[in-house]
Protein backbone atom coordinates (compact mmCIF):
# COMPACT_ATOMS: atom_id res chain seq x y z
CA MET A 1 79.72 95.94 92.65
CA LYS A 2 82.12 93.74 90.74
CA TYR A 3 85.80 93.50 91.72
CA VAL A 4 89.11 93.26 89.87
CA LEU A 5 92.46 91.95 91.14
CA VAL A 6 95.54 92.80 89.05
CA PHE A 7 98.88 91.27 90.05
CA HIS A 8 101.80 93.05 88.34
CA ALA A 9 104.73 90.60 88.11
CA ASN A 10 108.07 92.20 87.29
CA LEU A 11 111.34 90.29 87.59
CA ASN A 12 113.12 93.36 86.19
CA TYR A 13 112.56 94.90 89.62
CA ALA A 14 115.32 97.08 91.13
CA TYR A 15 117.39 95.21 93.75
CA LEU A 16 116.01 91.87 92.57
CA VAL A 17 118.93 89.73 91.35
CA PRO A 18 118.71 86.56 89.21
CA GLU A 19 119.76 84.25 92.04
CA ARG A 20 116.55 85.33 93.83
CA TYR A 21 114.24 84.93 90.84
CA GLU A 22 113.10 81.42 91.66
CA PHE A 23 112.51 82.40 95.27
CA VAL A 24 110.26 85.31 94.23
CA ILE A 25 108.47 83.27 91.57
CA ARG A 26 107.60 80.58 94.09
CA SER A 27 107.02 82.80 97.13
CA ALA A 28 104.81 85.30 95.30
CA TYR A 29 103.65 84.24 91.84
CA GLU A 30 103.14 80.55 92.59
CA LEU A 31 101.52 81.41 95.90
CA ILE A 32 98.96 83.57 94.07
CA LEU A 33 98.27 80.93 91.43
CA ASP A 34 97.98 78.11 93.97
CA THR A 35 95.80 80.11 96.35
CA MET A 36 93.34 81.14 93.67
CA ARG A 37 93.18 77.61 92.20
CA GLU A 38 92.86 75.75 95.49
CA HIS A 39 90.66 78.13 97.47
CA PHE A 40 88.73 80.06 94.82
CA PRO A 41 88.23 77.92 91.71
CA GLY A 42 86.27 79.87 89.12
CA THR A 43 87.07 83.23 90.75
CA LYS A 44 88.60 85.54 88.18
CA TYR A 45 91.77 87.59 88.52
CA VAL A 46 94.46 89.19 86.34
CA PHE A 47 98.14 88.29 86.13
CA GLU A 48 100.32 90.77 84.27
CA ALA A 49 103.86 89.82 83.30
CA SER A 50 106.35 91.24 80.83
CA GLY A 51 108.00 89.13 78.15
CA TYR A 52 111.17 89.10 80.26
CA THR A 53 109.28 87.87 83.33
CA ILE A 54 107.50 85.11 81.40
CA GLU A 55 110.78 83.92 79.88
CA GLN A 56 112.44 83.82 83.30
CA ILE A 57 109.53 81.87 84.76
CA ALA A 58 109.74 79.44 81.82
CA GLU A 59 113.48 78.97 82.31
CA LYS A 60 113.67 78.75 86.09
CA THR A 61 110.30 77.30 87.10
CA PRO A 62 108.55 75.72 84.10
CA ASP A 63 106.07 74.07 86.46
CA VAL A 64 104.88 77.50 87.61
CA LEU A 65 104.45 78.61 84.01
CA GLU A 66 102.26 75.53 83.44
CA LYS A 67 100.09 76.58 86.39
CA LEU A 68 99.70 80.05 84.89
CA LYS A 69 98.90 78.62 81.46
CA GLN A 70 96.29 76.31 83.00
CA ALA A 71 94.63 79.17 84.90
CA VAL A 72 94.52 81.24 81.71
CA ALA A 73 93.21 78.35 79.62
CA GLN A 74 90.43 77.67 82.14
CA GLY A 75 89.32 81.29 82.00
CA ASP A 76 90.00 81.98 85.67
CA CYS A 77 93.01 84.20 84.98
CA GLU A 78 93.36 86.95 82.40
CA LEU A 79 96.91 87.40 81.13
CA MET A 80 97.74 91.10 80.82
CA GLY A 81 100.59 92.29 78.60
CA SER A 82 103.32 94.91 78.96
CA PRO A 83 106.62 95.94 77.30
CA TYR A 84 109.41 93.37 77.32
CA ALA A 85 111.84 94.90 79.81
CA HIS A 86 109.76 97.39 81.80
CA PRO A 87 110.79 100.67 80.11
CA MET A 88 109.15 103.99 80.91
CA LEU A 89 107.40 104.35 77.57
CA PRO A 90 106.93 108.16 77.67
CA ASN A 91 110.68 108.71 77.91
CA PHE A 92 111.58 107.11 74.56
CA PRO A 93 110.38 107.35 70.95
CA MET A 94 107.08 105.60 70.23
CA GLU A 95 108.79 103.39 67.64
CA ASP A 96 111.05 101.97 70.33
CA GLY A 97 108.15 101.34 72.67
CA LEU A 98 106.28 99.50 69.92
CA ARG A 99 109.27 97.26 69.39
CA SER A 100 109.51 96.50 73.11
CA VAL A 101 105.83 95.54 73.22
CA GLU A 102 106.22 93.36 70.12
CA PHE A 103 109.10 91.50 71.79
CA SER A 104 106.69 90.72 74.63
CA ASN A 105 103.93 89.78 72.20
CA ARG A 106 106.22 87.16 70.67
CA VAL A 107 106.75 85.62 74.09
CA TYR A 108 103.01 85.53 74.78
CA ARG A 109 102.30 83.88 71.43
CA LYS A 110 105.08 81.33 72.01
CA HIS A 111 103.96 80.26 75.49
CA PHE A 112 100.22 80.98 75.45
CA GLY A 113 99.32 80.95 71.77
CA PHE A 114 97.81 84.45 71.74
CA ARG A 115 98.45 88.12 72.42
CA PRO A 116 96.62 89.55 75.47
CA ARG A 117 93.86 92.11 75.06
CA SER A 118 94.72 94.28 78.07
CA PHE A 119 97.87 96.34 78.54
CA TRP A 120 99.82 97.40 81.62
CA ASN A 121 101.67 100.66 81.00
CA PRO A 122 104.68 100.72 83.39
CA GLU A 123 104.19 103.24 86.21
CA CYS A 124 101.20 104.59 84.22
CA GLY A 125 103.67 107.02 82.65
CA TRP A 126 102.02 109.20 80.02
CA ARG A 127 102.84 110.90 76.75
CA GLY A 128 100.32 111.87 74.07
CA PHE A 129 101.33 109.00 71.78
CA LEU A 130 100.47 106.27 74.32
CA PRO A 131 96.96 105.53 72.99
CA GLU A 132 98.30 105.12 69.44
CA LEU A 133 101.16 102.95 70.68
CA VAL A 134 98.81 100.65 72.58
CA LEU A 135 96.41 100.32 69.65
CA ARG A 136 99.15 99.73 67.09
CA ALA A 137 100.59 97.03 69.36
CA GLY A 138 97.26 95.20 69.07
CA TYR A 139 95.69 95.89 72.48
CA ARG A 140 92.20 97.18 73.16
CA ASN A 141 92.22 97.79 76.93
CA LEU A 142 94.57 99.95 79.00
CA ILE A 143 94.93 100.43 82.74
CA GLY A 144 95.23 104.03 83.90
CA ASP A 145 95.65 105.96 87.13
CA PHE A 146 92.75 107.90 88.64
CA GLU A 147 94.96 110.33 90.55
CA ALA A 148 96.90 111.24 87.41
CA TYR A 149 93.62 111.77 85.51
CA SER A 150 91.96 113.86 88.22
CA ARG A 151 95.01 116.16 88.48
CA SER A 152 95.32 116.68 84.70
CA LEU A 153 94.09 119.19 82.14
CA ASP A 154 91.97 118.57 79.05
CA PRO A 155 93.36 119.38 75.56
CA ASP A 156 92.09 122.98 75.96
CA GLY A 157 94.03 123.47 79.19
CA ARG A 158 91.10 123.18 81.59
CA PRO A 159 91.13 120.85 84.62
CA LEU A 160 89.30 117.63 83.88
CA ARG A 161 88.16 117.47 87.49
CA PRO A 162 88.32 121.05 88.83
CA GLU A 163 87.20 120.12 92.33
CA ILE A 164 90.05 117.61 92.72
CA TYR A 165 92.62 119.56 90.70
CA ALA A 166 92.25 122.59 92.97
CA LYS A 167 93.22 120.56 96.03
CA GLU A 168 95.63 117.94 94.71
CA HIS A 169 97.47 119.23 91.64
CA SER A 170 101.08 120.18 92.29
CA ASP A 171 103.89 121.43 90.07
CA ASP A 172 106.40 119.90 92.47
CA PRO A 173 108.12 117.01 90.64
CA ALA A 174 107.88 114.75 93.66
CA PHE A 175 109.45 111.30 93.83
CA TYR A 176 106.02 110.04 94.96
CA HIS A 177 103.03 111.92 96.31
CA PHE A 178 100.34 109.87 98.04
CA GLY A 179 98.48 112.66 99.84
CA PHE A 180 94.76 112.94 99.10
CA ALA A 181 93.48 116.39 100.03
CA PHE A 182 90.12 115.77 98.35
CA ASP A 183 87.61 113.50 100.05
CA LEU A 184 86.55 111.42 97.05
CA PRO A 185 82.94 110.22 97.40
CA GLY A 186 82.29 106.50 97.21
CA ILE A 187 80.03 106.89 94.18
CA GLU A 188 82.90 108.15 91.97
CA ARG A 189 82.00 106.81 88.51
CA ALA A 190 85.50 107.22 87.06
CA ILE A 191 86.71 104.26 89.13
CA HIS A 192 83.59 102.18 88.43
CA PHE A 193 83.25 102.32 84.64
CA PRO A 194 85.58 102.33 81.63
CA PHE A 195 86.32 105.34 79.46
CA GLU A 196 86.07 105.11 75.68
CA ARG A 197 86.63 108.78 74.77
CA ILE A 198 90.40 108.93 75.09
CA ALA A 199 92.40 111.98 74.08
CA GLY A 200 94.68 110.86 71.26
CA ALA A 201 92.53 107.91 70.15
CA GLU A 202 89.54 107.51 67.88
CA PRO A 203 86.45 107.14 70.11
CA GLY A 204 85.48 103.54 70.77
CA ARG A 205 88.76 101.91 69.70
CA LEU A 206 90.43 101.87 73.12
CA ARG A 207 88.94 101.46 76.57
CA VAL A 208 90.69 102.58 79.74
CA PHE A 209 89.78 101.51 83.25
CA LEU A 210 91.30 103.38 86.19
CA ARG A 211 92.95 102.09 89.34
CA THR A 212 93.22 104.40 92.34
CA ASP A 213 95.94 104.59 94.96
CA ARG A 214 93.21 105.33 97.46
CA VAL A 215 92.42 101.62 97.34
CA ALA A 216 95.29 99.80 95.61
CA GLN A 217 98.09 101.36 97.67
CA PHE A 218 96.18 100.55 100.85
CA GLY A 219 96.23 96.95 99.63
CA VAL A 220 100.02 96.95 99.36
CA ARG A 221 100.33 98.21 102.92
CA PHE A 222 97.80 95.67 104.12
CA PHE A 223 99.88 92.83 102.69
CA MET A 224 103.02 94.37 104.22
CA GLY A 225 101.44 94.53 107.67
CA MET A 226 102.00 98.26 108.06
CA GLU A 227 100.57 99.49 111.34
CA GLY A 228 96.96 100.52 110.99
CA TYR A 229 96.43 98.93 107.57
CA THR A 230 94.13 96.15 108.73
CA LEU A 231 91.76 93.91 106.82
CA GLU A 232 88.84 95.64 108.52
CA LYS A 233 89.96 99.06 107.29
CA TYR A 234 90.73 97.70 103.84
CA LEU A 235 87.24 96.23 103.57
CA ALA A 236 85.70 99.46 104.86
CA LEU A 237 87.54 101.33 102.10
CA ILE A 238 86.36 98.82 99.51
CA ARG A 239 82.78 99.14 100.77
CA LYS A 240 83.00 102.93 100.60
CA TYR A 241 84.17 102.87 96.99
CA SER A 242 81.60 100.22 96.10
CA GLU A 243 78.79 102.74 96.57
CA GLN A 244 76.73 103.62 93.51
CA ALA A 245 74.07 106.19 92.84
CA PRO A 246 70.45 104.94 92.83
CA GLY A 247 69.44 103.55 89.44
CA GLU A 248 73.00 103.37 88.17
CA PRO A 249 74.07 100.11 86.43
CA GLU A 250 76.45 97.86 88.34
CA GLY A 251 80.07 98.91 88.00
CA ALA A 252 83.42 97.48 89.04
CA LEU A 253 86.28 98.47 91.35
CA ILE A 254 89.95 97.54 91.11
CA ILE A 255 90.86 96.55 94.66
CA PHE A 256 94.50 95.65 93.96
CA ALA A 257 96.68 96.71 91.03
CA ASP A 258 100.28 96.76 92.12
CA ASP A 259 103.40 94.63 92.39
CA ALA A 260 102.66 90.92 92.69
CA GLU A 261 105.91 90.63 94.65
CA TYR A 262 104.12 92.24 97.62
CA VAL A 263 101.94 89.15 97.91
CA GLY A 264 104.44 86.68 99.33
CA THR A 265 107.56 88.82 99.76
CA ASN A 266 108.31 92.21 101.26
CA GLY A 267 109.51 93.62 97.92
CA TRP A 268 110.89 97.09 98.55
CA PHE A 269 108.84 97.69 101.67
CA ARG A 270 111.61 97.50 104.27
CA LEU A 271 113.89 99.58 102.06
CA LYS A 272 111.34 102.34 101.49
CA TYR A 273 109.61 102.47 104.87
CA GLN A 274 112.12 101.02 107.32
CA ASN A 275 115.46 102.15 105.82
CA GLU A 276 116.71 98.58 105.43
CA PRO A 277 118.01 98.27 101.85
CA ASP A 278 119.66 94.93 102.62
CA HIS A 279 116.30 93.37 103.48
CA VAL A 280 114.38 93.17 100.22
CA PHE A 281 112.34 90.40 98.62
CA GLU A 282 112.15 88.33 101.80
CA ARG A 283 109.29 85.94 102.48
CA THR A 284 106.19 87.19 104.28
CA ASP A 285 104.67 84.20 106.01
CA ASP A 286 101.11 85.52 106.33
CA ALA A 287 100.61 86.45 102.67
CA GLN A 288 98.40 83.49 101.76
CA GLU A 289 96.25 84.00 104.82
CA LYS A 290 95.77 87.65 103.91
CA LEU A 291 94.96 86.89 100.29
CA ILE A 292 92.41 84.26 101.33
CA SER A 293 90.75 86.59 103.83
CA LEU A 294 90.60 89.47 101.35
CA VAL A 295 89.09 87.44 98.50
CA THR A 296 86.72 85.61 100.84
CA GLU A 297 85.27 88.82 102.24
CA CYS A 298 85.06 90.57 98.87
CA ARG A 299 83.23 87.61 97.35
CA LYS A 300 80.49 88.32 99.89
CA LEU A 301 80.21 91.82 98.44
CA GLY A 302 80.24 90.98 94.76
CA GLU A 303 81.60 89.00 91.83
CA PHE A 304 85.22 89.06 90.64
CA ILE A 305 85.74 89.77 86.94
CA THR A 306 88.72 90.20 84.63
CA PHE A 307 90.07 93.54 83.48
CA ASP A 308 88.87 92.80 79.94
CA GLU A 309 85.37 92.22 81.29
CA ALA A 310 85.52 95.43 83.31
CA CYS A 311 86.42 97.29 80.12
CA ASN A 312 83.96 95.65 77.76
CA SER A 313 80.99 94.25 79.71
CA LEU A 314 80.24 97.48 81.59
CA PRO A 315 78.73 100.63 80.05
CA ALA A 316 81.37 103.19 79.12
CA LEU A 317 81.42 106.73 80.42
CA ASN A 318 80.90 109.59 77.99
CA ASP A 319 83.47 111.76 79.79
CA LEU A 320 86.75 112.63 78.09
CA LEU A 321 89.79 110.90 79.56
CA ALA A 322 93.12 112.72 79.26
CA PHE A 323 96.39 112.84 81.15
CA ASP A 324 99.02 115.53 81.35
CA ASP A 325 102.12 114.69 79.37
CA ASP A 326 104.82 113.48 81.77
CA SER A 327 102.35 112.29 84.42
CA ALA A 328 102.73 108.93 86.16
CA TRP A 329 101.13 107.04 89.04
CA HIS A 330 101.67 107.85 92.73
CA GLY A 331 101.74 111.57 91.90
CA ALA A 332 105.11 111.17 90.19
CA ARG A 333 106.42 112.38 86.84
CA ALA A 334 107.59 110.14 84.01
CA SER A 335 110.57 112.44 83.57
CA THR A 336 111.76 111.60 87.07
CA TRP A 337 112.79 108.21 85.70
CA ALA A 338 114.66 109.97 82.88
CA ALA A 339 116.47 112.35 85.23
CA THR A 340 118.25 109.92 87.54
CA PRO A 341 122.07 109.97 87.36
CA MET A 342 122.23 106.61 85.59
CA ALA A 343 119.52 107.60 83.12
CA ARG A 344 121.40 110.80 82.25
CA LEU A 345 124.59 108.78 81.79
CA LEU A 346 123.00 106.12 79.58
CA ARG A 347 120.69 108.21 77.41
CA PRO A 348 123.32 109.96 75.25
CA TRP A 349 124.92 106.59 74.50
CA GLN A 350 121.51 105.06 73.76
CA ASP A 351 120.78 107.91 71.36
CA LEU A 352 124.09 107.34 69.56
CA VAL A 353 123.37 103.65 69.17
CA ARG A 354 119.83 104.35 68.00
CA GLU A 355 121.12 106.87 65.45
CA LYS A 356 123.68 104.38 64.14
CA LEU A 357 121.21 101.51 64.03
CA LYS A 358 118.69 103.49 62.02
CA ALA A 359 121.44 104.57 59.62
CA VAL A 360 122.77 101.06 58.92
CA GLN A 361 119.83 98.73 59.45
CA HIS A 362 119.12 98.56 55.70
CA GLU A 363 122.62 97.09 55.29
CA LEU A 364 122.15 94.40 57.95
CA ASP A 365 120.27 91.12 57.81
CA ASN A 366 116.87 91.03 59.46
CA ASP A 367 117.97 88.89 62.38
CA THR A 368 120.81 91.25 63.29
CA VAL A 369 118.52 94.26 63.11
CA ASP A 370 115.94 92.52 65.26
CA ARG A 371 118.47 91.55 67.90
CA ALA A 372 119.98 95.04 67.93
CA TRP A 373 116.60 96.63 68.59
CA PHE A 374 115.87 93.97 71.21
CA HIS A 375 119.01 94.82 73.16
CA LEU A 376 118.65 98.57 72.68
CA THR A 377 115.09 98.64 74.02
CA ASN A 378 116.08 96.34 76.88
CA SER A 379 118.65 98.94 77.91
CA TYR A 380 115.70 101.26 78.57
CA ASN A 381 114.72 99.10 81.58
CA SER A 382 113.61 101.63 84.18
CA ASP A 383 114.81 99.77 87.28
CA GLY A 384 118.37 99.58 86.01
CA GLN A 385 118.51 103.35 86.36
CA TRP A 386 116.39 103.65 89.51
CA PRO A 387 115.85 105.00 92.11
CA PRO A 388 116.83 108.66 91.88
CA THR A 389 119.48 109.94 94.25
CA LEU A 390 117.97 112.91 96.07
CA PRO A 391 119.01 114.86 99.19
CA GLU A 392 115.96 113.56 101.04
CA ALA A 393 116.32 110.06 99.57
CA PRO A 394 120.01 109.25 98.86
CA HIS A 395 119.42 105.89 97.21
CA ILE A 396 122.00 104.05 95.11
CA VAL A 397 121.32 102.05 91.96
CA HIS A 398 121.85 98.30 92.34
CA PRO A 399 124.92 97.07 90.40
CA PHE A 400 123.08 94.13 88.81
CA ASN A 401 120.22 96.25 87.52
CA TYR A 402 122.62 98.80 86.05
CA ALA A 403 124.66 96.01 84.44
CA TYR A 404 121.47 94.72 82.76
CA CYS A 405 121.04 98.06 80.99
CA PHE A 406 124.75 98.41 80.19
CA ASP A 407 125.17 94.89 78.83
CA ASN A 408 122.13 95.19 76.59
CA LEU A 409 123.25 98.58 75.31
CA LEU A 410 126.75 97.33 74.59
CA ALA A 411 125.30 94.35 72.70
CA ALA A 412 123.12 96.69 70.63
CA GLU A 413 126.13 98.89 69.82
CA LEU A 414 128.23 95.93 68.69
CA LEU A 415 125.43 94.60 66.49
CA ALA A 416 125.08 98.04 64.91
CA GLY A 417 128.79 98.13 64.15
CA GLY A 418 129.95 100.46 66.90
CA VAL A 419 129.54 104.18 67.55
CA ASP A 420 131.90 107.10 67.99
CA ARG A 421 131.90 107.44 71.77
CA SER A 422 134.15 110.49 71.57
CA ARG A 423 130.93 112.37 70.76
CA LEU A 424 129.68 111.66 74.26
CA GLU A 425 130.02 114.43 76.83
CA THR A 426 129.17 112.17 79.76
CA ASP A 427 131.33 111.95 82.90
CA PRO A 428 131.17 108.44 84.46
CA ALA A 429 133.34 109.44 87.43
CA ALA A 430 131.02 112.33 88.27
CA THR A 431 128.02 110.01 87.96
CA VAL A 432 129.53 107.55 90.45
CA GLN A 433 130.21 110.38 92.87
CA GLU A 434 126.69 111.74 92.44
CA ILE A 435 125.11 108.35 93.20
CA LEU A 436 127.38 107.16 96.00
CA GLY A 437 128.41 110.45 97.57
CA PRO A 438 125.36 111.17 99.77
CA GLN A 439 125.41 107.71 101.37
CA GLN A 440 129.17 107.89 101.83
CA GLU A 441 128.77 111.01 103.95
CA LEU A 442 125.96 109.48 106.01
CA VAL A 443 128.00 106.35 106.68
CA LEU A 444 131.04 108.39 107.70
CA CYS A 445 128.92 110.32 110.18
CA LYS A 446 128.26 107.03 111.98
CA ALA A 447 131.69 105.49 111.47
CA GLY A 448 133.52 107.22 114.31
CA ASP A 449 137.05 105.82 114.47
CA ASN A 450 136.16 102.54 112.74
CA ALA A 451 139.17 102.15 110.48
CA LEU A 452 137.65 99.40 108.29
CA VAL A 453 134.57 101.48 107.53
CA ARG A 454 136.71 104.48 106.61
CA GLN A 455 138.88 102.30 104.40
CA LEU A 456 135.81 100.98 102.59
CA ILE A 457 134.46 104.47 102.09
CA GLU A 458 137.77 105.60 100.64
CA ARG A 459 137.67 102.65 98.26
CA SER A 460 134.17 103.61 97.14
CA ARG A 461 135.26 107.25 96.72
CA ASP A 462 138.33 106.59 94.62
CA VAL A 463 137.32 107.25 91.02
CA ALA A 464 140.84 107.93 89.72
CA SER A 465 140.93 104.86 87.48
CA ILE A 466 137.64 105.91 85.85
CA ARG A 467 138.95 109.41 85.20
CA THR A 468 142.34 108.33 83.85
CA SER A 469 140.79 105.75 81.53
CA GLY A 470 139.07 108.50 79.58
CA ALA A 471 136.06 106.23 79.11
CA LYS A 472 132.77 107.98 78.38
CA VAL A 473 130.72 105.02 79.62
CA LEU A 474 130.63 103.46 83.07
CA TYR A 475 131.63 99.81 83.03
CA PRO A 476 129.59 97.72 85.46
CA SER A 477 132.68 96.32 87.20
CA GLU A 478 133.89 99.87 87.96
CA TYR A 479 130.55 100.70 89.49
CA ARG A 480 130.08 97.42 91.34
CA VAL A 481 133.39 97.46 93.22
CA ARG A 482 132.65 100.92 94.58
CA ALA A 483 128.96 100.30 95.30
CA ASP A 484 129.76 97.02 97.06
CA ALA A 485 132.37 98.73 99.25
CA LEU A 486 129.81 101.36 100.26
CA VAL A 487 127.14 98.76 101.00
CA GLU A 488 129.55 96.80 103.22
CA ALA A 489 130.53 99.98 105.08
CA ARG A 490 126.84 100.80 105.53
CA ARG A 491 126.24 97.36 106.98
CA LEU A 492 129.15 97.69 109.42
CA VAL A 493 127.75 100.91 110.93
CA GLY A 494 124.30 99.35 111.36
CA GLY A 495 122.61 101.13 108.48
CA ILE A 496 121.64 104.73 107.82
CA GLU A 497 118.41 106.61 107.25
CA ILE A 498 117.88 106.54 103.50
CA GLU A 499 114.43 108.03 103.15
CA LYS A 500 111.83 109.71 105.29
CA ALA A 501 108.88 108.04 103.66
CA THR A 502 105.34 109.36 103.73
CA THR A 503 103.03 106.68 105.10
CA ASP A 504 99.72 108.53 105.41
CA LEU A 505 97.09 107.69 102.81
CA GLU A 506 94.23 109.30 104.71
CA GLU A 507 92.07 111.90 103.02
CA THR A 508 91.84 115.24 104.78
């Protein structure tokens, strides 16, 4: 069996602020590059980064960008592409997604001299136009999600994998769903070979290779040191899914395809699994040791190859690959990203700006049109509107990430000549209450007679100035002052339970 490592680098990550960019670049991205160069020269791996991420690396740590360029030039590292500012592509028109990918392609050509061949689709979110979008953007390989595929229907409405669909498909629009009710055999060909018959694409033009949470998500938890997620169990899982039927040609297995930030920092781990939202993107001191041990042991099992090689040097399956519209990885729905309070607040404004831009772009010079589309598509950044605020997971959106979307959208509006915001029916005050309200109540339950905490909560609750202003958009400063007051009150009471996270990846 051959093996594939895909490190997804995203500096547009929720709760990751610019003053921590260099820390994350050096603690995670540089650690990966240095470890592979120093300990495994000639061993292949994949580094995916958006145009935004590459530009931030170039600006803040040009020496790290040179290390990445050297690894790519030597052939050890495959550069994988993605949209510029990490939008959920299924939630916006294909034209907009194409523009976002082209903004990334310009960055790749500027810094590397070429456009990558392989494409990372954020969150593996799906809509029927995705194959056409990827092909028109100039890519030939696409990463997909096995769980989304195996729980989907073919174009005639029949389950693609009936035996898995019967046990794992759910109409519940879960935040995430990691449960595996079907005991997938190790010889599963859909995670060993590429597909070339893709619904929505001419056969042979696009190849898709599938990651699976059964392996990749275990890898995240291994790097995070979650109890029970040991190297021994990780390797046992890799060995299981390295099995192949007698006489079958050698295939490949993606053993890691997730956030690069989890190799060197704790990313969102302590927020999601330990209810500590103030402890994100901190250094994990054993990351290099774990990466070395993982690659060392897997090299004993087989050769590492790039994603492009997995797609094009292995025989393709004849099976049809399709995904349900609105599917995404981790058992989620693409529309979940479009249904958060911030997304519902921003989208009507985005649509107004888009409408205006399309109406006047023939009157504007090319540079102005280009910059307007750049800022508009940047406002689609998913993490500036994430995570959703749910009764069982009362998260709040980080003020910086929201401001990134707002500032880009405002810039796009100004370049387009302004829009009539009186047409908006949005309610910024209600949105603030929807996002902050659940945590405010939880903090008050722990506050007792702490006068300072209660004062801070009252400050975060007071939306009178937003209401009296009559504004149809939420200015970042209005949101920040209230969110910051809530976060300080939360800290003073020693934190609250934000989410009861599911940790079990075991098959039943």
